[in-house]
Amino acid sequence: TAIGVGGTFTCSFDAVLSGLAGDPDHVDIVTAVVDDGEGNTASDDGSATVSFGDELPSIGVAKTPSVGSVPETGGTVTFTVEVTNTSVEPINLTDLDDDVFGDLLDPANPAIGSNDCDDQATAIGVGGTYTCSFHAFLAGDAGGPDHSNTVTAVADDGEGNPATSFDSASVSYLDELPSISVAKTPSTGT
């Protein structure tokens, strides 16, 4: 700690600072006191200010069907939806819409069954995942296009910043072979 004439004492330290955008800046003051060895002291202080920048929220979405295919005559498929908070602060899920089946957060949605998406808490902590599922009946021609639907999630960080992500799922239709039965009956046995 001895400092020569015109010399400088330099040191550093690390500290974790946290706060929300819009919170007061962090102000840190350091005070130094020196002694010349003859009982005389001098002191001074310096300050440093660090502001808190806004971190935009981010999410990831995954949509998974319970089966990859159903007979062309139709079948019920369970779709599982996962929304993961990949940002640095908690978020709230505000919208969860499917381009085929509509609003998944609507408890009165007539397009789907066994929907628990509207029952889940929509607050998602840092690194947390919101998971829900619903059932839908799919039917189509094996020669036609596969069924495909996309779910889009929108979340908010409570500071007016939205995050959006989406994922799609496809289910194919299996060809069902035709079948017949034939009965032939004579008018008389003899």
Protein backbone atom coordinates (compact mmCIF):
# COMPACT_ATOMS: atom_id res chain seq x y z
CA THR A 1 0.00 0.00 0.00
CA ALA A 2 3.05 2.33 -0.14
CA ILE A 3 2.60 4.89 -2.91
CA GLY A 4 5.60 6.83 -4.22
CA VAL A 5 5.55 10.48 -5.25
CA GLY A 6 3.32 10.75 -8.33
CA GLY A 7 2.53 7.03 -8.04
CA THR A 8 -0.83 5.31 -8.26
CA PHE A 9 -2.37 2.50 -6.24
CA THR A 10 -4.62 0.37 -8.45
CA CYS A 11 -6.85 -2.55 -7.57
CA SER A 12 -10.10 -4.10 -8.81
CA PHE A 13 -12.93 -6.28 -7.57
CA ASP A 14 -16.00 -7.98 -9.02
CA ALA A 15 -19.54 -7.45 -7.77
CA VAL A 16 -22.90 -8.72 -8.98
CA LEU A 17 -25.43 -5.98 -9.69
CA SER A 18 -29.08 -6.64 -10.43
CA GLY A 19 -32.10 -4.51 -11.05
CA LEU A 20 -34.84 -3.84 -13.55
CA ALA A 21 -34.67 -1.45 -16.45
CA GLY A 22 -36.02 1.84 -15.17
CA ASP A 23 -34.81 1.23 -11.60
CA PRO A 24 -32.46 3.88 -10.16
CA ASP A 25 -28.86 3.51 -11.33
CA HIS A 26 -26.44 1.68 -9.06
CA VAL A 27 -24.02 4.22 -7.53
CA ASP A 28 -20.89 3.01 -5.78
CA ILE A 29 -18.57 5.32 -3.79
CA VAL A 30 -15.06 4.42 -2.67
CA THR A 31 -13.17 6.46 -0.09
CA ALA A 32 -9.37 6.31 0.25
CA VAL A 33 -7.39 7.53 3.26
CA VAL A 34 -3.57 7.90 3.21
CA ASP A 35 -0.98 8.69 5.87
CA ASP A 36 2.45 10.31 5.30
CA GLY A 37 4.02 8.56 8.25
CA GLU A 38 4.15 11.80 10.25
CA GLY A 39 0.58 11.68 11.49
CA ASN A 40 -0.84 13.66 8.60
CA THR A 41 -3.70 12.13 6.65
CA ALA A 42 -5.49 12.91 3.40
CA SER A 43 -8.63 11.41 2.00
CA ASP A 44 -10.68 11.56 -1.16
CA ASP A 45 -13.49 9.61 -2.74
CA GLY A 46 -14.66 8.69 -6.18
CA SER A 47 -17.91 7.28 -7.47
CA ALA A 48 -18.97 5.00 -10.29
CA THR A 49 -22.47 4.68 -11.75
CA VAL A 50 -23.93 1.68 -13.53
CA SER A 51 -27.37 1.79 -15.12
CA PHE A 52 -29.63 -1.21 -15.72
CA GLY A 53 -30.36 -1.86 -19.38
CA ASP A 54 -33.53 -3.51 -20.58
CA GLU A 55 -33.10 -7.18 -21.52
CA LEU A 56 -35.62 -8.33 -24.09
CA PRO A 57 -37.47 -11.55 -23.28
CA SER A 58 -37.08 -14.70 -25.37
CA ILE A 59 -38.97 -17.98 -25.54
CA GLY A 60 -38.76 -21.33 -27.30
CA VAL A 61 -41.78 -23.37 -28.42
CA ALA A 62 -42.07 -27.09 -29.14
CA LYS A 63 -45.20 -28.87 -30.39
CA THR A 64 -45.29 -32.67 -30.47
CA PRO A 65 -48.05 -35.02 -31.70
CA SER A 66 -48.64 -38.29 -29.83
CA VAL A 67 -48.51 -40.25 -33.12
CA GLY A 68 -46.99 -39.61 -36.52
CA SER A 69 -49.92 -40.96 -38.50
CA VAL A 70 -53.59 -41.93 -38.27
CA PRO A 71 -55.82 -43.97 -40.61
CA GLU A 72 -57.42 -41.86 -43.32
CA THR A 73 -60.77 -42.67 -41.71
CA GLY A 74 -59.60 -40.57 -38.78
CA GLY A 75 -58.17 -40.77 -35.30
CA THR A 76 -57.66 -38.70 -32.16
CA VAL A 77 -54.20 -37.18 -31.68
CA THR A 78 -52.85 -35.61 -28.50
CA PHE A 79 -50.71 -32.54 -29.13
CA THR A 80 -48.28 -31.44 -26.39
CA VAL A 81 -47.11 -27.83 -26.36
CA GLU A 82 -44.07 -26.58 -24.43
CA VAL A 83 -43.11 -22.92 -24.02
CA THR A 84 -39.67 -22.42 -22.42
CA ASN A 85 -38.48 -19.14 -20.94
CA THR A 86 -34.98 -18.62 -22.36
CA SER A 87 -34.64 -15.04 -21.09
CA VAL A 88 -33.00 -13.65 -17.94
CA GLU A 89 -36.18 -12.65 -16.11
CA PRO A 90 -39.62 -14.14 -15.44
CA ILE A 91 -42.24 -13.78 -18.17
CA ASN A 92 -45.98 -14.23 -18.55
CA LEU A 93 -47.58 -16.19 -21.40
CA THR A 94 -50.22 -13.92 -22.97
CA ASP A 95 -51.27 -15.78 -26.16
CA LEU A 96 -51.15 -19.38 -27.33
CA ASP A 97 -52.80 -19.76 -30.73
CA ASP A 98 -52.95 -22.65 -33.16
CA ASP A 99 -53.48 -21.84 -36.83
CA VAL A 100 -55.91 -24.78 -37.20
CA PHE A 101 -57.45 -25.22 -33.73
CA GLY A 102 -57.58 -21.59 -32.53
CA ASP A 103 -57.00 -20.08 -29.09
CA LEU A 104 -55.59 -22.79 -26.82
CA LEU A 105 -56.05 -20.59 -23.72
CA ASP A 106 -59.81 -20.37 -24.37
CA PRO A 107 -61.65 -22.85 -22.12
CA ALA A 108 -64.65 -22.74 -24.48
CA ASN A 109 -62.66 -23.59 -27.63
CA PRO A 110 -64.96 -26.02 -29.51
CA ALA A 111 -62.27 -27.24 -31.93
CA ILE A 112 -60.38 -29.31 -29.35
CA GLY A 113 -61.02 -31.70 -26.48
CA SER A 114 -59.31 -32.55 -23.19
CA ASN A 115 -57.61 -29.16 -23.30
CA ASP A 116 -55.57 -28.35 -20.19
CA CYS A 117 -53.76 -25.36 -21.74
CA ASP A 118 -56.31 -23.02 -20.18
CA ASP A 119 -55.77 -24.59 -16.73
CA GLN A 120 -52.02 -23.95 -16.41
CA ALA A 121 -50.42 -20.97 -14.68
CA THR A 122 -49.11 -18.62 -17.37
CA ALA A 123 -46.20 -17.21 -15.33
CA ILE A 124 -42.92 -18.83 -16.42
CA GLY A 125 -39.78 -18.40 -14.34
CA VAL A 126 -36.27 -18.10 -15.74
CA GLY A 127 -35.42 -21.41 -17.42
CA GLY A 128 -38.92 -22.73 -16.68
CA THR A 129 -41.30 -24.43 -19.08
CA TYR A 130 -45.06 -24.12 -19.49
CA THR A 131 -46.46 -27.47 -20.71
CA CYS A 132 -49.98 -28.34 -21.80
CA SER A 133 -51.81 -30.70 -24.14
CA PHE A 134 -55.04 -31.04 -26.07
CA HIS A 135 -56.82 -33.68 -28.19
CA ALA A 136 -57.97 -33.20 -31.77
CA PHE A 137 -59.69 -35.53 -34.23
CA LEU A 138 -57.93 -35.72 -37.60
CA ALA A 139 -59.25 -37.32 -40.78
CA GLY A 140 -58.16 -36.99 -44.40
CA ASP A 141 -57.35 -38.75 -47.63
CA ALA A 142 -54.16 -40.79 -47.75
CA GLY A 143 -53.51 -39.36 -51.20
CA GLY A 144 -53.86 -35.80 -49.98
CA PRO A 145 -51.51 -33.59 -47.98
CA ASP A 146 -50.52 -34.41 -44.40
CA HIS A 147 -52.22 -32.56 -41.59
CA SER A 148 -49.99 -29.73 -40.40
CA ASN A 149 -50.66 -27.11 -37.74
CA THR A 150 -48.55 -24.40 -36.12
CA VAL A 151 -48.80 -23.07 -32.59
CA THR A 152 -47.58 -19.54 -31.86
CA ALA A 153 -46.81 -18.34 -28.34
CA VAL A 154 -46.50 -14.73 -27.18
CA ALA A 155 -45.06 -13.77 -23.79
CA ASP A 156 -44.43 -10.48 -22.00
CA ASP A 157 -41.73 -9.49 -19.49
CA GLY A 158 -43.98 -7.08 -17.58
CA GLU A 159 -42.17 -4.09 -19.06
CA GLY A 160 -44.05 -4.00 -22.35
CA ASN A 161 -41.56 -6.14 -24.26
CA PRO A 162 -43.10 -9.12 -26.10
CA ALA A 163 -41.41 -12.35 -27.20
CA THR A 164 -42.84 -14.61 -29.90
CA SER A 165 -41.97 -18.09 -31.08
CA PHE A 166 -43.73 -20.92 -32.93
CA ASP A 167 -43.46 -24.59 -33.85
CA SER A 168 -45.31 -26.89 -36.23
CA ALA A 169 -46.41 -30.52 -36.06
CA SER A 170 -47.42 -32.85 -38.89
CA VAL A 171 -49.47 -36.04 -38.93
CA SER A 172 -49.81 -38.20 -42.05
CA TYR A 173 -52.82 -40.26 -43.15
CA LEU A 174 -52.43 -44.01 -43.68
CA ASP A 175 -54.16 -45.64 -46.63
CA GLU A 176 -57.00 -47.92 -45.63
CA LEU A 177 -57.53 -50.77 -48.10
CA PRO A 178 -61.10 -51.28 -49.32
CA SER A 179 -63.02 -54.41 -48.34
CA ILE A 180 -66.32 -55.91 -49.44
CA SER A 181 -68.42 -58.94 -48.65
CA VAL A 182 -70.56 -60.76 -51.20
CA ALA A 183 -73.64 -62.87 -50.61
CA LYS A 184 -75.38 -64.87 -53.33
CA THR A 185 -78.72 -66.47 -52.66
CA PRO A 186 -80.73 -68.60 -55.09
CA SER A 187 -84.51 -68.20 -55.16
CA THR A 188 -84.97 -71.93 -54.56
CA GLY A 189 -82.77 -74.68 -53.32
CA THR A 190 -83.93 -77.15 -56.00
